[in-house]
């Protein structure tokens, strides 16, 4: 299985979602490939936001090796699931979809945790450390829900 996490700039939410899923994949020795991207090209080649990197380490997850990149049409060919962090980015991704098969790959990440509610992962960029921590904890819960929903780990 190949999973892509997508937000706007690929420096806060999607790299953290990427980092959590990579962490859980390694922890459970799963066969899941993970990456992240942004729908905008604001930060291509940059490391994730310094606050997200610093705070994620407090939770035992390093995202220092990740670099921002922009989502491309080729990602529809390279990934089985494309998770958008919010509705705006979901729409940006869907605008690039070529086929129904492409569109079916695109989902809102928090629907894994709150099925059918179309909730969005809040963007902490202009917020405080507390906002970043809230997003990290939400992404951890959504990651675990995704793994359980797809029967990659057992419900506990």
C-alpha atoms as a PDB file:
ATOM      1  CA  UNK A   1       0.000   0.000   0.000  1.00  0.00           C
ATOM      2  CA  UNK A   2       1.245   3.483  -0.863  1.00  0.00           C
ATOM      3  CA  UNK A   3      -0.163   6.513   1.014  1.00  0.00           C
ATOM      4  CA  UNK A   4       0.335  10.224   0.339  1.00  0.00           C
ATOM      5  CA  UNK A   5      -0.480  12.940   2.895  1.00  0.00           C
ATOM      6  CA  UNK A   6      -1.295  16.374   1.431  1.00  0.00           C
ATOM      7  CA  UNK A   7      -1.749  19.864   2.880  1.00  0.00           C
ATOM      8  CA  UNK A   8      -1.099  23.335   1.456  1.00  0.00           C
ATOM      9  CA  UNK A   9       2.632  23.985   1.913  1.00  0.00           C
ATOM     10  CA  UNK A  10       3.856  20.556   3.043  1.00  0.00           C
ATOM     11  CA  UNK A  11       5.609  21.958   6.115  1.00  0.00           C
ATOM     12  CA  UNK A  12       3.144  21.377   9.000  1.00  0.00           C
ATOM     13  CA  UNK A  13       0.220  18.986   8.759  1.00  0.00           C
ATOM     14  CA  UNK A  14       1.154  16.634   5.933  1.00  0.00           C
ATOM     15  CA  UNK A  15       4.768  16.042   7.036  1.00  0.00           C
ATOM     16  CA  UNK A  16       3.524  15.352  10.561  1.00  0.00           C
ATOM     17  CA  UNK A  17       0.888  12.928   9.228  1.00  0.00           C
ATOM     18  CA  UNK A  18       3.634  11.389   7.081  1.00  0.00           C
ATOM     19  CA  UNK A  19       5.926  11.138  10.115  1.00  0.00           C
ATOM     20  CA  UNK A  20       3.308   9.512  12.341  1.00  0.00           C
ATOM     21  CA  UNK A  21       2.359   6.953   9.724  1.00  0.00           C
ATOM     22  CA  UNK A  22       6.035   6.150   9.023  1.00  0.00           C
ATOM     23  CA  UNK A  23       6.570   5.777  12.777  1.00  0.00           C
ATOM     24  CA  UNK A  24       3.643   3.343  13.121  1.00  0.00           C
ATOM     25  CA  UNK A  25       4.632   1.431   9.969  1.00  0.00           C
ATOM     26  CA  UNK A  26       8.110   0.882  11.397  1.00  0.00           C
ATOM     27  CA  UNK A  27       6.753   0.076  14.859  1.00  0.00           C
ATOM     28  CA  UNK A  28       4.415  -2.619  13.465  1.00  0.00           C
ATOM     29  CA  UNK A  29       6.734  -3.764  10.635  1.00  0.00           C
ATOM     30  CA  UNK A  30       4.096  -3.029   7.977  1.00  0.00           C
ATOM     31  CA  UNK A  31       4.426  -2.925   4.211  1.00  0.00           C
ATOM     32  CA  UNK A  32       3.223   0.643   3.681  1.00  0.00           C
ATOM     33  CA  UNK A  33       5.059   3.322   1.711  1.00  0.00           C
ATOM     34  CA  UNK A  34       4.407   6.864   2.933  1.00  0.00           C
ATOM     35  CA  UNK A  35       5.119  10.336   1.542  1.00  0.00           C
ATOM     36  CA  UNK A  36       3.724  13.847   1.754  1.00  0.00           C
ATOM     37  CA  UNK A  37       3.221  16.814  -0.544  1.00  0.00           C
ATOM     38  CA  UNK A  38       1.650  20.253  -0.693  1.00  0.00           C
ATOM     39  CA  UNK A  39      -0.780  21.591  -3.242  1.00  0.00           C
ATOM     40  CA  UNK A  40       1.163  24.875  -3.340  1.00  0.00           C
ATOM     41  CA  UNK A  41       4.842  25.347  -4.179  1.00  0.00           C
ATOM     42  CA  UNK A  42       5.615  27.833  -1.372  1.00  0.00           C
ATOM     43  CA  UNK A  43       8.160  25.672   0.463  1.00  0.00           C
ATOM     44  CA  UNK A  44       9.519  23.165  -2.081  1.00  0.00           C
ATOM     45  CA  UNK A  45      12.800  21.684  -0.828  1.00  0.00           C
ATOM     46  CA  UNK A  46      12.405  23.060   2.705  1.00  0.00           C
ATOM     47  CA  UNK A  47      12.364  21.088   5.944  1.00  0.00           C
ATOM     48  CA  UNK A  48       9.087  20.936   7.875  1.00  0.00           C
ATOM     49  CA  UNK A  49       8.266  23.945  10.066  1.00  0.00           C
ATOM     50  CA  UNK A  50      10.748  24.238  12.958  1.00  0.00           C
ATOM     51  CA  UNK A  51       7.938  24.159  15.536  1.00  0.00           C
ATOM     52  CA  UNK A  52       6.483  20.959  14.079  1.00  0.00           C
ATOM     53  CA  UNK A  53       9.935  19.339  14.015  1.00  0.00           C
ATOM     54  CA  UNK A  54      10.705  20.370  17.602  1.00  0.00           C
ATOM     55  CA  UNK A  55       7.342  19.362  19.040  1.00  0.00           C
ATOM     56  CA  UNK A  56       7.102  16.090  17.119  1.00  0.00           C
ATOM     57  CA  UNK A  57      10.351  15.010  18.792  1.00  0.00           C
ATOM     58  CA  UNK A  58       8.606  15.444  22.151  1.00  0.00           C
ATOM     59  CA  UNK A  59       6.237  12.716  20.965  1.00  0.00           C
ATOM     60  CA  UNK A  60       9.098  10.517  19.767  1.00  0.00           C
ATOM     61  CA  UNK A  61       8.679  11.126  16.036  1.00  0.00           C
ATOM     62  CA  UNK A  62      11.398  12.757  13.942  1.00  0.00           C
ATOM     63  CA  UNK A  63      10.419  14.443  10.673  1.00  0.00           C
ATOM     64  CA  UNK A  64      13.775  16.185  10.157  1.00  0.00           C
ATOM     65  CA  UNK A  65      14.611  14.163   7.029  1.00  0.00           C
ATOM     66  CA  UNK A  66      11.445  15.206   5.174  1.00  0.00           C
ATOM     67  CA  UNK A  67      11.507  17.932   2.500  1.00  0.00           C
ATOM     68  CA  UNK A  68       8.531  19.772   1.059  1.00  0.00           C
ATOM     69  CA  UNK A  69       7.437  18.995  -2.471  1.00  0.00           C
ATOM     70  CA  UNK A  70       4.455  19.937  -4.580  1.00  0.00           C
ATOM     71  CA  UNK A  71       1.668  17.506  -5.415  1.00  0.00           C
ATOM     72  CA  UNK A  72       1.657  16.454  -9.073  1.00  0.00           C
ATOM     73  CA  UNK A  73      -0.641  14.530 -11.394  1.00  0.00           C
ATOM     74  CA  UNK A  74       1.913  11.666 -11.311  1.00  0.00           C
ATOM     75  CA  UNK A  75       1.019  11.162  -7.638  1.00  0.00           C
ATOM     76  CA  UNK A  76      -2.287   9.626  -8.761  1.00  0.00           C
ATOM     77  CA  UNK A  77      -0.237   6.890 -10.457  1.00  0.00           C
ATOM     78  CA  UNK A  78       2.200   6.468  -7.579  1.00  0.00           C
ATOM     79  CA  UNK A  79      -0.170   6.245  -4.589  1.00  0.00           C
ATOM     80  CA  UNK A  80      -3.134   4.067  -3.641  1.00  0.00           C
ATOM     81  CA  UNK A  81      -4.574   6.547  -1.141  1.00  0.00           C
ATOM     82  CA  UNK A  82      -4.194  10.328  -1.161  1.00  0.00           C
ATOM     83  CA  UNK A  83      -5.207  11.924   2.132  1.00  0.00           C
ATOM     84  CA  UNK A  84      -6.034  15.630   2.147  1.00  0.00           C
ATOM     85  CA  UNK A  85      -5.787  17.459   5.449  1.00  0.00           C
ATOM     86  CA  UNK A  86      -8.690  19.798   4.627  1.00  0.00           C
ATOM     87  CA  UNK A  87     -11.463  20.430   2.103  1.00  0.00           C
ATOM     88  CA  UNK A  88      -9.633  23.193   0.229  1.00  0.00           C
ATOM     89  CA  UNK A  89      -6.659  20.954  -0.489  1.00  0.00           C
ATOM     90  CA  UNK A  90      -8.972  18.062  -1.278  1.00  0.00           C
ATOM     91  CA  UNK A  91     -10.588  20.248  -3.967  1.00  0.00           C
ATOM     92  CA  UNK A  92      -7.171  21.330  -5.276  1.00  0.00           C
ATOM     93  CA  UNK A  93      -6.179  17.672  -5.642  1.00  0.00           C
ATOM     94  CA  UNK A  94      -9.477  16.678  -7.245  1.00  0.00           C
ATOM     95  CA  UNK A  95      -9.097  19.456  -9.854  1.00  0.00           C
ATOM     96  CA  UNK A  96      -5.998  17.625 -11.108  1.00  0.00           C
ATOM     97  CA  UNK A  97      -7.698  14.214 -11.229  1.00  0.00           C
ATOM     98  CA  UNK A  98      -7.899  12.759 -14.721  1.00  0.00           C
ATOM     99  CA  UNK A  99     -10.317   9.911 -14.100  1.00  0.00           C
ATOM    100  CA  UNK A 100     -12.838   8.549 -11.609  1.00  0.00           C
ATOM    101  CA  UNK A 101     -10.099   6.140 -10.503  1.00  0.00           C
ATOM    102  CA  UNK A 102      -7.926   9.154  -9.575  1.00  0.00           C
ATOM    103  CA  UNK A 103     -10.815  10.802  -7.699  1.00  0.00           C
ATOM    104  CA  UNK A 104     -11.569   7.635  -5.725  1.00  0.00           C
ATOM    105  CA  UNK A 105      -8.069   7.716  -4.222  1.00  0.00           C
ATOM    106  CA  UNK A 106      -8.641  11.116  -2.590  1.00  0.00           C
ATOM    107  CA  UNK A 107      -9.999  11.231   0.972  1.00  0.00           C
ATOM    108  CA  UNK A 108     -10.084  13.566   3.937  1.00  0.00           C
ATOM    109  CA  UNK A 109      -7.730  12.133   6.560  1.00  0.00           C
ATOM    110  CA  UNK A 110      -9.964  12.792   9.556  1.00  0.00           C
ATOM    111  CA  UNK A 111     -12.734  10.670   8.026  1.00  0.00           C
ATOM    112  CA  UNK A 112     -10.602   7.758   9.224  1.00  0.00           C
ATOM    113  CA  UNK A 113     -11.226   8.904  12.790  1.00  0.00           C
ATOM    114  CA  UNK A 114     -14.654  10.516  12.319  1.00  0.00           C
ATOM    115  CA  UNK A 115     -16.250   8.623   9.389  1.00  0.00           C
ATOM    116  CA  UNK A 116     -18.419  10.716   7.106  1.00  0.00           C
ATOM    117  CA  UNK A 117     -18.022  13.908   9.134  1.00  0.00           C
ATOM    118  CA  UNK A 118     -15.637  15.594   6.653  1.00  0.00           C
ATOM    119  CA  UNK A 119     -13.714  17.258   9.479  1.00  0.00           C
ATOM    120  CA  UNK A 120     -10.521  19.126   8.702  1.00  0.00           C
ATOM    121  CA  UNK A 121      -7.108  19.006  10.335  1.00  0.00           C
ATOM    122  CA  UNK A 122      -6.639  22.593  11.571  1.00  0.00           C
ATOM    123  CA  UNK A 123      -3.636  24.447  10.177  1.00  0.00           C
ATOM    124  CA  UNK A 124      -1.417  25.390  13.152  1.00  0.00           C
ATOM    125  CA  UNK A 125       0.960  27.595  11.123  1.00  0.00           C
ATOM    126  CA  UNK A 126      -0.206  30.925  12.589  1.00  0.00           C
ATOM    127  CA  UNK A 127      -0.898  29.441  16.011  1.00  0.00           C
ATOM    128  CA  UNK A 128       0.919  28.613  19.215  1.00  0.00           C
ATOM    129  CA  UNK A 129       2.837  25.531  20.350  1.00  0.00           C
ATOM    130  CA  UNK A 130      -0.447  24.354  21.875  1.00  0.00           C
ATOM    131  CA  UNK A 131      -2.090  24.447  18.424  1.00  0.00           C
ATOM    132  CA  UNK A 132       0.771  22.365  17.014  1.00  0.00           C
ATOM    133  CA  UNK A 133       0.453  19.843  19.854  1.00  0.00           C
ATOM    134  CA  UNK A 134      -3.301  19.556  19.279  1.00  0.00           C
ATOM    135  CA  UNK A 135      -2.674  18.810  15.601  1.00  0.00           C
ATOM    136  CA  UNK A 136       0.030  16.253  16.440  1.00  0.00           C
ATOM    137  CA  UNK A 137      -2.308  14.437  18.833  1.00  0.00           C
ATOM    138  CA  UNK A 138      -5.171  14.526  16.311  1.00  0.00           C
ATOM    139  CA  UNK A 139      -2.920  13.127  13.579  1.00  0.00           C
ATOM    140  CA  UNK A 140      -1.774  10.352  15.919  1.00  0.00           C
ATOM    141  CA  UNK A 141      -5.390   9.348  16.567  1.00  0.00           C
ATOM    142  CA  UNK A 142      -6.255   9.490  12.857  1.00  0.00           C
ATOM    143  CA  UNK A 143      -3.162   7.440  11.987  1.00  0.00           C
ATOM    144  CA  UNK A 144      -4.129   4.713  14.441  1.00  0.00           C
ATOM    145  CA  UNK A 145      -7.713   4.757  13.141  1.00  0.00           C
ATOM    146  CA  UNK A 146      -6.452   4.402   9.548  1.00  0.00           C
ATOM    147  CA  UNK A 147      -4.291   1.405  10.474  1.00  0.00           C
ATOM    148  CA  UNK A 148      -7.177  -0.260  12.320  1.00  0.00           C
ATOM    149  CA  UNK A 149      -9.771   0.575   9.638  1.00  0.00           C
ATOM    150  CA  UNK A 150      -7.556  -1.037   7.003  1.00  0.00           C
ATOM    151  CA  UNK A 151      -6.858  -4.017   9.270  1.00  0.00           C
ATOM    152  CA  UNK A 152      -3.133  -3.298   9.294  1.00  0.00           C
ATOM    153  CA  UNK A 153      -3.112  -3.458  13.097  1.00  0.00           C
ATOM    154  CA  UNK A 154      -5.571  -5.034  15.527  1.00  0.00           C
ATOM    155  CA  UNK A 155      -8.213  -3.072  17.394  1.00  0.00           C
ATOM    156  CA  UNK A 156      -7.323  -2.739  21.030  1.00  0.00           C
END
